[in-house]
């Protein structure tokens, strides 16, 4: 009986998703938000406070994720992933420029 309870407990621990997903995107907004904001954009959960936003990895290209974020929180000054920062031209496009 004890073995069965231990097995059930260990399965429950491994089957439970982590609520603290690692951040993949690191964003600095051009203007600070008036209050912290948590939202789902596409399928990506974002957390923003002040001028900083972060989220776990999305399946879209960084440029697409950036453009979707701008529609929710306004222009961004910096958009980065572990692979590096968005190039200046891509950042301009992300913010709605040509």
PDB file of N, CA and C in Angstrom:
ATOM      1  N   UNK A   1       0.832  -1.188   0.000  1.00  0.00           N
ATOM      2  CA  UNK A   1       0.000   0.000   0.000  1.00  0.00           C
ATOM      3  C   UNK A   1       0.879   1.255   0.000  1.00  0.00           C
ATOM      4  N   UNK A   2       1.932   1.230   0.825  1.00  0.00           N
ATOM      5  CA  UNK A   2       2.840   2.370   0.898  1.00  0.00           C
ATOM      6  C   UNK A   2       3.527   2.611  -0.448  1.00  0.00           C
ATOM      7  N   UNK A   3       3.898   1.517  -1.117  1.00  0.00           N
ATOM      8  CA  UNK A   3       4.551   1.644  -2.425  1.00  0.00           C
ATOM      9  C   UNK A   3       3.606   2.280  -3.438  1.00  0.00           C
ATOM     10  N   UNK A   4       2.338   1.900  -3.394  1.00  0.00           N
ATOM     11  CA  UNK A   4       1.340   2.467  -4.298  1.00  0.00           C
ATOM     12  C   UNK A   4       1.162   3.965  -4.055  1.00  0.00           C
ATOM     13  N   UNK A   5       1.122   4.352  -2.795  1.00  0.00           N
ATOM     14  CA  UNK A   5       0.995   5.770  -2.454  1.00  0.00           C
ATOM     15  C   UNK A   5       2.213   6.550  -2.925  1.00  0.00           C
ATOM     16  N   UNK A   6       3.400   6.000  -2.756  1.00  0.00           N
ATOM     17  CA  UNK A   6       4.631   6.658  -3.212  1.00  0.00           C
ATOM     18  C   UNK A   6       4.659   6.822  -4.719  1.00  0.00           C
ATOM     19  N   UNK A   7       4.212   5.797  -5.432  1.00  0.00           N
ATOM     20  CA  UNK A   7       4.167   5.862  -6.890  1.00  0.00           C
ATOM     21  C   UNK A   7       3.180   6.935  -7.346  1.00  0.00           C
ATOM     22  N   UNK A   8       2.011   6.975  -6.726  1.00  0.00           N
ATOM     23  CA  UNK A   8       1.007   7.975  -7.083  1.00  0.00           C
ATOM     24  C   UNK A   8       1.531   9.374  -6.821  1.00  0.00           C
ATOM     25  N   UNK A   9       2.215   9.557  -5.691  1.00  0.00           N
ATOM     26  CA  UNK A   9       2.767  10.871  -5.360  1.00  0.00           C
ATOM     27  C   UNK A   9       3.827  11.287  -6.379  1.00  0.00           C
ATOM     28  N   UNK A  10       4.751  10.388  -6.716  1.00  0.00           N
ATOM     29  CA  UNK A  10       5.823  10.753  -7.649  1.00  0.00           C
ATOM     30  C   UNK A  10       5.263  11.033  -9.039  1.00  0.00           C
ATOM     31  N   UNK A  11       4.215  10.303  -9.443  1.00  0.00           N
ATOM     32  CA  UNK A  11       3.590  10.586 -10.729  1.00  0.00           C
ATOM     33  C   UNK A  11       2.950  11.968 -10.711  1.00  0.00           C
ATOM     34  N   UNK A  12       2.294  12.305  -9.633  1.00  0.00           N
ATOM     35  CA  UNK A  12       1.658  13.614  -9.509  1.00  0.00           C
ATOM     36  C   UNK A  12       2.661  14.741  -9.585  1.00  0.00           C
ATOM     37  N   UNK A  13       3.825  14.546  -8.990  1.00  0.00           N
ATOM     38  CA  UNK A  13       4.859  15.573  -9.017  1.00  0.00           C
ATOM     39  C   UNK A  13       5.403  15.745 -10.422  1.00  0.00           C
ATOM     40  N   UNK A  14       5.660  14.639 -11.139  1.00  0.00           N
ATOM     41  CA  UNK A  14       6.226  14.762 -12.484  1.00  0.00           C
ATOM     42  C   UNK A  14       5.188  15.181 -13.509  1.00  0.00           C
ATOM     43  N   UNK A  15       3.912  14.931 -13.260  1.00  0.00           N
ATOM     44  CA  UNK A  15       2.869  15.285 -14.222  1.00  0.00           C
ATOM     45  C   UNK A  15       2.373  16.709 -14.043  1.00  0.00           C
ATOM     46  N   UNK A  16       2.736  17.360 -12.954  1.00  0.00           N
ATOM     47  CA  UNK A  16       2.279  18.714 -12.693  1.00  0.00           C
ATOM     48  C   UNK A  16       3.165  19.703 -13.444  1.00  0.00           C
ATOM     49  N   UNK A  17       2.576  20.566 -14.287  1.00  0.00           N
ATOM     50  CA  UNK A  17       3.400  21.533 -15.015  1.00  0.00           C
ATOM     51  C   UNK A  17       3.959  22.602 -14.092  1.00  0.00           C
ATOM     52  N   UNK A  18       5.097  23.113 -14.462  1.00  0.00           N
ATOM     53  CA  UNK A  18       5.708  24.183 -13.680  1.00  0.00           C
ATOM     54  C   UNK A  18       4.973  25.485 -13.940  1.00  0.00           C
ATOM     55  N   UNK A  19       4.653  26.214 -12.884  1.00  0.00           N
ATOM     56  CA  UNK A  19       3.980  27.501 -13.050  1.00  0.00           C
ATOM     57  C   UNK A  19       4.979  28.625 -13.269  1.00  0.00           C
ATOM     58  N   UNK A  20       6.229  28.383 -13.025  1.00  0.00           N
ATOM     59  CA  UNK A  20       7.260  29.404 -13.197  1.00  0.00           C
ATOM     60  C   UNK A  20       8.099  29.054 -14.420  1.00  0.00           C
ATOM     61  N   UNK A  21       7.527  29.239 -15.597  1.00  0.00           N
ATOM     62  CA  UNK A  21       8.238  28.924 -16.831  1.00  0.00           C
ATOM     63  C   UNK A  21       9.427  29.859 -17.002  1.00  0.00           C
ATOM     64  N   UNK A  22      10.490  29.328 -17.539  1.00  0.00           N
ATOM     65  CA  UNK A  22      11.694  30.129 -17.741  1.00  0.00           C
ATOM     66  C   UNK A  22      11.445  31.201 -18.795  1.00  0.00           C
ATOM     67  N   UNK A  23      11.992  32.374 -18.576  1.00  0.00           N
ATOM     68  CA  UNK A  23      11.839  33.466 -19.541  1.00  0.00           C
ATOM     69  C   UNK A  23      12.758  33.238 -20.725  1.00  0.00           C
ATOM     70  N   UNK A  24      12.246  33.459 -21.895  1.00  0.00           N
ATOM     71  CA  UNK A  24      13.022  33.360 -23.119  1.00  0.00           C
ATOM     72  C   UNK A  24      13.163  34.751 -23.736  1.00  0.00           C
ATOM     73  N   UNK A  25      12.064  35.493 -23.741  1.00  0.00           N
ATOM     74  CA  UNK A  25      12.088  36.848 -24.277  1.00  0.00           C
ATOM     75  C   UNK A  25      12.340  37.840 -23.153  1.00  0.00           C
ATOM     76  N   UNK A  26      13.200  38.797 -23.417  1.00  0.00           N
ATOM     77  CA  UNK A  26      13.488  39.882 -22.485  1.00  0.00           C
ATOM     78  C   UNK A  26      13.275  41.186 -23.248  1.00  0.00           C
ATOM     79  N   UNK A  27      12.319  41.970 -22.786  1.00  0.00           N
ATOM     80  CA  UNK A  27      11.899  43.160 -23.532  1.00  0.00           C
ATOM     81  C   UNK A  27      11.967  44.392 -22.640  1.00  0.00           C
ATOM     82  N   UNK A  28      12.448  45.485 -23.214  1.00  0.00           N
ATOM     83  CA  UNK A  28      12.399  46.784 -22.549  1.00  0.00           C
ATOM     84  C   UNK A  28      11.441  47.653 -23.345  1.00  0.00           C
ATOM     85  N   UNK A  29      10.425  48.146 -22.670  1.00  0.00           N
ATOM     86  CA  UNK A  29       9.436  49.000 -23.322  1.00  0.00           C
ATOM     87  C   UNK A  29       9.964  50.419 -23.471  1.00  0.00           C
ATOM     88  N   UNK A  30       9.472  51.135 -24.477  1.00  0.00           N
ATOM     89  CA  UNK A  30       9.879  52.527 -24.689  1.00  0.00           C
ATOM     90  C   UNK A  30       9.327  53.428 -23.589  1.00  0.00           C
ATOM     91  N   UNK A  31       8.163  53.090 -23.047  1.00  0.00           N
ATOM     92  CA  UNK A  31       7.536  53.866 -21.966  1.00  0.00           C
ATOM     93  C   UNK A  31       7.064  52.892 -20.888  1.00  0.00           C
ATOM     94  N   UNK A  32       7.200  53.286 -19.622  1.00  0.00           N
ATOM     95  CA  UNK A  32       6.762  52.373 -18.551  1.00  0.00           C
ATOM     96  C   UNK A  32       5.244  52.221 -18.497  1.00  0.00           C
ATOM     97  N   UNK A  33       4.809  51.049 -18.075  1.00  0.00           N
ATOM     98  CA  UNK A  33       3.385  50.811 -17.854  1.00  0.00           C
ATOM     99  C   UNK A  33       2.981  51.478 -16.548  1.00  0.00           C
ATOM    100  N   UNK A  34       1.724  51.840 -16.437  1.00  0.00           N
ATOM    101  CA  UNK A  34       1.241  52.481 -15.206  1.00  0.00           C
ATOM    102  C   UNK A  34       1.061  51.476 -14.079  1.00  0.00           C
ATOM    103  N   UNK A  35       0.892  50.194 -14.438  1.00  0.00           N
ATOM    104  CA  UNK A  35       0.731  49.130 -13.433  1.00  0.00           C
ATOM    105  C   UNK A  35       1.255  47.830 -14.035  1.00  0.00           C
ATOM    106  N   UNK A  36       1.709  46.901 -13.206  1.00  0.00           N
ATOM    107  CA  UNK A  36       2.135  45.597 -13.732  1.00  0.00           C
ATOM    108  C   UNK A  36       1.005  44.949 -14.525  1.00  0.00           C
ATOM    109  N   UNK A  37       1.380  44.173 -15.514  1.00  0.00           N
ATOM    110  CA  UNK A  37       0.389  43.584 -16.403  1.00  0.00           C
ATOM    111  C   UNK A  37       0.802  42.152 -16.737  1.00  0.00           C
ATOM    112  N   UNK A  38      -0.132  41.214 -16.607  1.00  0.00           N
ATOM    113  CA  UNK A  38       0.054  39.827 -17.040  1.00  0.00           C
ATOM    114  C   UNK A  38      -1.042  39.527 -18.052  1.00  0.00           C
ATOM    115  N   UNK A  39      -0.663  38.920 -19.178  1.00  0.00           N
ATOM    116  CA  UNK A  39      -1.644  38.633 -20.215  1.00  0.00           C
ATOM    117  C   UNK A  39      -1.129  37.524 -21.111  1.00  0.00           C
ATOM    118  N   UNK A  40      -2.050  36.955 -21.861  1.00  0.00           N
ATOM    119  CA  UNK A  40      -1.714  35.934 -22.855  1.00  0.00           C
ATOM    120  C   UNK A  40      -1.786  36.617 -24.210  1.00  0.00           C
ATOM    121  N   UNK A  41      -0.718  36.504 -24.982  1.00  0.00           N
ATOM    122  CA  UNK A  41      -0.670  37.085 -26.314  1.00  0.00           C
ATOM    123  C   UNK A  41      -0.420  35.936 -27.281  1.00  0.00           C
ATOM    124  N   UNK A  42      -1.417  35.593 -28.080  1.00  0.00           N
ATOM    125  CA  UNK A  42      -1.346  34.360 -28.865  1.00  0.00           C
ATOM    126  C   UNK A  42      -1.511  33.224 -27.874  1.00  0.00           C
ATOM    127  N   UNK A  43      -0.481  32.428 -27.707  1.00  0.00           N
ATOM    128  CA  UNK A  43      -0.479  31.378 -26.686  1.00  0.00           C
ATOM    129  C   UNK A  43       0.626  31.624 -25.666  1.00  0.00           C
ATOM    130  N   UNK A  44       1.220  32.797 -25.701  1.00  0.00           N
ATOM    131  CA  UNK A  44       2.365  33.098 -24.848  1.00  0.00           C
ATOM    132  C   UNK A  44       1.963  33.945 -23.651  1.00  0.00           C
ATOM    133  N   UNK A  45       2.260  33.477 -22.438  1.00  0.00           N
ATOM    134  CA  UNK A  45       1.960  34.276 -21.238  1.00  0.00           C
ATOM    135  C   UNK A  45       3.069  35.304 -20.989  1.00  0.00           C
ATOM    136  N   UNK A  46       2.710  36.561 -20.934  1.00  0.00           N
ATOM    137  CA  UNK A  46       3.650  37.657 -20.695  1.00  0.00           C
ATOM    138  C   UNK A  46       3.468  38.225 -19.302  1.00  0.00           C
ATOM    139  N   UNK A  47       4.565  38.702 -18.740  1.00  0.00           N
ATOM    140  CA  UNK A  47       4.545  39.423 -17.469  1.00  0.00           C
ATOM    141  C   UNK A  47       5.325  40.713 -17.683  1.00  0.00           C
ATOM    142  N   UNK A  48       4.686  41.851 -17.412  1.00  0.00           N
ATOM    143  CA  UNK A  48       5.327  43.151 -17.600  1.00  0.00           C
ATOM    144  C   UNK A  48       5.183  43.984 -16.329  1.00  0.00           C
ATOM    145  N   UNK A  49       6.219  44.734 -16.023  1.00  0.00           N
ATOM    146  CA  UNK A  49       6.197  45.666 -14.898  1.00  0.00           C
ATOM    147  C   UNK A  49       7.153  46.807 -15.228  1.00  0.00           C
ATOM    148  N   UNK A  50       6.686  48.022 -15.056  1.00  0.00           N
ATOM    149  CA  UNK A  50       7.528  49.177 -15.394  1.00  0.00           C
ATOM    150  C   UNK A  50       7.836  49.164 -16.876  1.00  0.00           C
ATOM    151  N   UNK A  51       9.123  49.077 -17.210  1.00  0.00           N
ATOM    152  CA  UNK A  51       9.519  49.030 -18.624  1.00  0.00           C
ATOM    153  C   UNK A  51       9.994  47.645 -19.041  1.00  0.00           C
ATOM    154  N   UNK A  52       9.862  46.645 -18.167  1.00  0.00           N
ATOM    155  CA  UNK A  52      10.381  45.300 -18.461  1.00  0.00           C
ATOM    156  C   UNK A  52       9.264  44.288 -18.671  1.00  0.00           C
ATOM    157  N   UNK A  53       9.409  43.454 -19.702  1.00  0.00           N
ATOM    158  CA  UNK A  53       8.492  42.360 -19.973  1.00  0.00           C
ATOM    159  C   UNK A  53       9.294  41.093 -20.236  1.00  0.00           C
ATOM    160  N   UNK A  54       8.706  39.955 -19.897  1.00  0.00           N
ATOM    161  CA  UNK A  54       9.357  38.684 -20.186  1.00  0.00           C
ATOM    162  C   UNK A  54       8.304  37.624 -20.443  1.00  0.00           C
ATOM    163  N   UNK A  55       8.732  36.574 -21.162  1.00  0.00           N
ATOM    164  CA  UNK A  55       7.826  35.478 -21.493  1.00  0.00           C
ATOM    165  C   UNK A  55       8.641  34.259 -21.897  1.00  0.00           C
ATOM    166  N   UNK A  56       8.024  33.072 -21.789  1.00  0.00           N
ATOM    167  CA  UNK A  56       8.686  31.872 -22.308  1.00  0.00           C
ATOM    168  C   UNK A  56       8.640  31.869 -23.831  1.00  0.00           C
ATOM    169  N   UNK A  57       9.360  30.956 -24.430  1.00  0.00           N
ATOM    170  CA  UNK A  57       9.481  30.890 -25.886  1.00  0.00           C
ATOM    171  C   UNK A  57       8.155  30.603 -26.576  1.00  0.00           C
ATOM    172  N   UNK A  58       7.956  31.268 -27.692  1.00  0.00           N
ATOM    173  CA  UNK A  58       6.809  31.100 -28.572  1.00  0.00           C
ATOM    174  C   UNK A  58       7.312  30.330 -29.794  1.00  0.00           C
ATOM    175  N   UNK A  59       6.409  29.779 -30.574  1.00  0.00           N
ATOM    176  CA  UNK A  59       6.833  29.047 -31.774  1.00  0.00           C
ATOM    177  C   UNK A  59       7.047  29.957 -32.978  1.00  0.00           C
ATOM    178  N   UNK A  60       6.654  31.214 -32.880  1.00  0.00           N
ATOM    179  CA  UNK A  60       6.813  32.169 -33.987  1.00  0.00           C
ATOM    180  C   UNK A  60       8.209  32.787 -33.984  1.00  0.00           C
ATOM    181  N   UNK A  61       8.557  33.402 -35.116  1.00  0.00           N
ATOM    182  CA  UNK A  61       9.827  34.132 -35.203  1.00  0.00           C
ATOM    183  C   UNK A  61       9.802  35.312 -34.239  1.00  0.00           C
ATOM    184  N   UNK A  62      10.954  35.709 -33.753  1.00  0.00           N
ATOM    185  CA  UNK A  62      11.065  36.803 -32.780  1.00  0.00           C
ATOM    186  C   UNK A  62      10.421  38.084 -33.301  1.00  0.00           C
ATOM    187  N   UNK A  63      10.572  38.377 -34.591  1.00  0.00           N
ATOM    188  CA  UNK A  63       9.997  39.586 -35.165  1.00  0.00           C
ATOM    189  C   UNK A  63       8.468  39.582 -35.064  1.00  0.00           C
ATOM    190  N   UNK A  64       7.865  38.425 -35.259  1.00  0.00           N
ATOM    191  CA  UNK A  64       6.405  38.294 -35.183  1.00  0.00           C
ATOM    192  C   UNK A  64       5.937  38.443 -33.739  1.00  0.00           C
ATOM    193  N   UNK A  65       6.654  37.802 -32.815  1.00  0.00           N
ATOM    194  CA  UNK A  65       6.317  37.896 -31.398  1.00  0.00           C
ATOM    195  C   UNK A  65       6.414  39.348 -30.948  1.00  0.00           C
ATOM    196  N   UNK A  66       7.456  40.044 -31.385  1.00  0.00           N
ATOM    197  CA  UNK A  66       7.652  41.444 -31.033  1.00  0.00           C
ATOM    198  C   UNK A  66       6.487  42.298 -31.538  1.00  0.00           C
ATOM    199  N   UNK A  67       6.104  42.129 -32.792  1.00  0.00           N
ATOM    200  CA  UNK A  67       5.011  42.922 -33.372  1.00  0.00           C
ATOM    201  C   UNK A  67       3.697  42.678 -32.630  1.00  0.00           C
ATOM    202  N   UNK A  68       3.430  41.432 -32.235  1.00  0.00           N
ATOM    203  CA  UNK A  68       2.211  41.143 -31.466  1.00  0.00           C
ATOM    204  C   UNK A  68       2.267  41.807 -30.101  1.00  0.00           C
ATOM    205  N   UNK A  69       3.444  41.825 -29.480  1.00  0.00           N
ATOM    206  CA  UNK A  69       3.590  42.450 -28.167  1.00  0.00           C
ATOM    207  C   UNK A  69       3.348  43.952 -28.251  1.00  0.00           C
ATOM    208  N   UNK A  70       3.876  44.594 -29.272  1.00  0.00           N
ATOM    209  CA  UNK A  70       3.711  46.042 -29.453  1.00  0.00           C
ATOM    210  C   UNK A  70       2.228  46.416 -29.518  1.00  0.00           C
ATOM    211  N   UNK A  71       1.419  45.568 -30.125  1.00  0.00           N
ATOM    212  CA  UNK A  71      -0.028  45.842 -30.207  1.00  0.00           C
ATOM    213  C   UNK A  71      -0.682  45.844 -28.828  1.00  0.00           C
ATOM    214  N   UNK A  72      -0.099  45.124 -27.872  1.00  0.00           N
ATOM    215  CA  UNK A  72      -0.670  45.035 -26.518  1.00  0.00           C
ATOM    216  C   UNK A  72      -0.127  46.090 -25.561  1.00  0.00           C
ATOM    217  N   UNK A  73       1.188  46.399 -25.669  1.00  0.00           N
ATOM    218  CA  UNK A  73       1.808  47.263 -24.656  1.00  0.00           C
ATOM    219  C   UNK A  73       2.486  48.508 -25.214  1.00  0.00           C
ATOM    220  N   UNK A  74       2.491  48.672 -26.510  1.00  0.00           N
ATOM    221  CA  UNK A  74       3.137  49.842 -27.092  1.00  0.00           C
ATOM    222  C   UNK A  74       4.567  49.570 -27.534  1.00  0.00           C
ATOM    223  N   UNK A  75       5.252  50.597 -28.041  1.00  0.00           N
ATOM    224  CA  UNK A  75       6.593  50.443 -28.612  1.00  0.00           C
ATOM    225  C   UNK A  75       7.610  49.847 -27.639  1.00  0.00           C
ATOM    226  N   UNK A  76       8.545  49.096 -28.225  1.00  0.00           N
ATOM    227  CA  UNK A  76       9.618  48.507 -27.433  1.00  0.00           C
ATOM    228  C   UNK A  76      10.953  49.142 -27.817  1.00  0.00           C
ATOM    229  N   UNK A  77      11.812  49.301 -26.825  1.00  0.00           N
ATOM    230  CA  UNK A  77      13.147  49.856 -27.053  1.00  0.00           C
ATOM    231  C   UNK A  77      14.171  48.749 -27.274  1.00  0.00           C
ATOM    232  N   UNK A  78      13.882  47.563 -26.732  1.00  0.00           N
ATOM    233  CA  UNK A  78      14.812  46.430 -26.834  1.00  0.00           C
ATOM    234  C   UNK A  78      14.010  45.137 -26.797  1.00  0.00           C
ATOM    235  N   UNK A  79      14.334  44.200 -27.691  1.00  0.00           N
ATOM    236  CA  UNK A  79      13.690  42.890 -27.729  1.00  0.00           C
ATOM    237  C   UNK A  79      14.796  41.867 -27.891  1.00  0.00           C
ATOM    238  N   UNK A  80      14.955  40.994 -26.896  1.00  0.00           N
ATOM    239  CA  UNK A  80      16.070  40.045 -26.924  1.00  0.00           C
ATOM    240  C   UNK A  80      15.631  38.631 -26.575  1.00  0.00           C
ATOM    241  N   UNK A  81      16.390  37.668 -27.087  1.00  0.00           N
ATOM    242  CA  UNK A  81      16.248  36.257 -26.760  1.00  0.00           C
ATOM    243  C   UNK A  81      17.643  35.774 -26.343  1.00  0.00           C
ATOM    244  N   UNK A  82      17.777  34.542 -25.888  1.00  0.00           N
ATOM    245  CA  UNK A  82      19.122  34.039 -25.578  1.00  0.00           C
ATOM    246  C   UNK A  82      20.061  34.046 -26.785  1.00  0.00           C
ATOM    247  N   UNK A  83      19.514  34.085 -28.006  1.00  0.00           N
ATOM    248  CA  UNK A  83      20.343  34.142 -29.211  1.00  0.00           C
ATOM    249  C   UNK A  83      20.839  35.552 -29.518  1.00  0.00           C
ATOM    250  N   UNK A  84      20.280  36.564 -28.872  1.00  0.00           N
ATOM    251  CA  UNK A  84      20.710  37.939 -29.102  1.00  0.00           C
ATOM    252  C   UNK A  84      19.539  38.894 -29.221  1.00  0.00           C
ATOM    253  N   UNK A  85      19.883  40.149 -29.490  1.00  0.00           N
ATOM    254  CA  UNK A  85      18.870  41.202 -29.604  1.00  0.00           C
ATOM    255  C   UNK A  85      18.394  41.339 -31.040  1.00  0.00           C
ATOM    256  N   UNK A  86      17.164  41.798 -31.181  1.00  0.00           N
ATOM    257  CA  UNK A  86      16.616  42.094 -32.499  1.00  0.00           C
ATOM    258  C   UNK A  86      17.439  43.223 -33.110  1.00  0.00           C
ATOM    259  N   UNK A  87      17.788  43.103 -34.379  1.00  0.00           N
ATOM    260  CA  UNK A  87      18.551  44.135 -35.082  1.00  0.00           C
ATOM    261  C   UNK A  87      17.732  45.424 -35.141  1.00  0.00           C
ATOM    262  N   UNK A  88      18.408  46.550 -35.273  1.00  0.00           N
ATOM    263  CA  UNK A  88      17.746  47.859 -35.284  1.00  0.00           C
ATOM    264  C   UNK A  88      16.642  47.943 -36.339  1.00  0.00           C
ATOM    265  N   UNK A  89      16.901  47.447 -37.562  1.00  0.00           N
ATOM    266  CA  UNK A  89      15.888  47.477 -38.625  1.00  0.00           C
ATOM    267  C   UNK A  89      14.667  46.647 -38.246  1.00  0.00           C
ATOM    268  N   UNK A  90      14.908  45.466 -37.668  1.00  0.00           N
ATOM    269  CA  UNK A  90      13.800  44.603 -37.257  1.00  0.00           C
ATOM    270  C   UNK A  90      13.022  45.218 -36.109  1.00  0.00           C
ATOM    271  N   UNK A  91      13.716  45.902 -35.213  1.00  0.00           N
ATOM    272  CA  UNK A  91      13.044  46.573 -34.094  1.00  0.00           C
ATOM    273  C   UNK A  91      12.156  47.707 -34.591  1.00  0.00           C
ATOM    274  N   UNK A  92      12.635  48.444 -35.603  1.00  0.00           N
ATOM    275  CA  UNK A  92      11.844  49.514 -36.214  1.00  0.00           C
ATOM    276  C   UNK A  92      10.573  48.938 -36.843  1.00  0.00           C
ATOM    277  N   UNK A  93      10.714  47.825 -37.581  1.00  0.00           N
ATOM    278  CA  UNK A  93       9.557  47.157 -38.192  1.00  0.00           C
ATOM    279  C   UNK A  93       8.603  46.660 -37.115  1.00  0.00           C
ATOM    280  N   UNK A  94       9.155  46.101 -36.057  1.00  0.00           N
ATOM    281  CA  UNK A  94       8.344  45.591 -34.947  1.00  0.00           C
ATOM    282  C   UNK A  94       7.471  46.704 -34.380  1.00  0.00           C
ATOM    283  N   UNK A  95       8.019  47.891 -34.270  1.00  0.00           N
ATOM    284  CA  UNK A  95       7.297  49.035 -33.707  1.00  0.00           C
ATOM    285  C   UNK A  95       6.369  49.712 -34.724  1.00  0.00           C
ATOM    286  N   UNK A  96       6.231  49.126 -35.897  1.00  0.00           N
ATOM    287  CA  UNK A  96       5.295  49.648 -36.884  1.00  0.00           C
ATOM    288  C   UNK A  96       5.920  50.532 -37.931  1.00  0.00           C
ATOM    289  N   UNK A  97       7.244  50.686 -37.906  1.00  0.00           N
ATOM    290  CA  UNK A  97       7.933  51.499 -38.903  1.00  0.00           C
ATOM    291  C   UNK A  97       8.208  50.695 -40.150  1.00  0.00           C
ATOM    292  N   UNK A  98       8.638  51.360 -41.182  1.00  0.00           N
ATOM    293  CA  UNK A  98       8.929  50.696 -42.459  1.00  0.00           C
ATOM    294  C   UNK A  98      10.389  50.427 -42.621  1.00  0.00           C
TER     295      UNK A  98
END
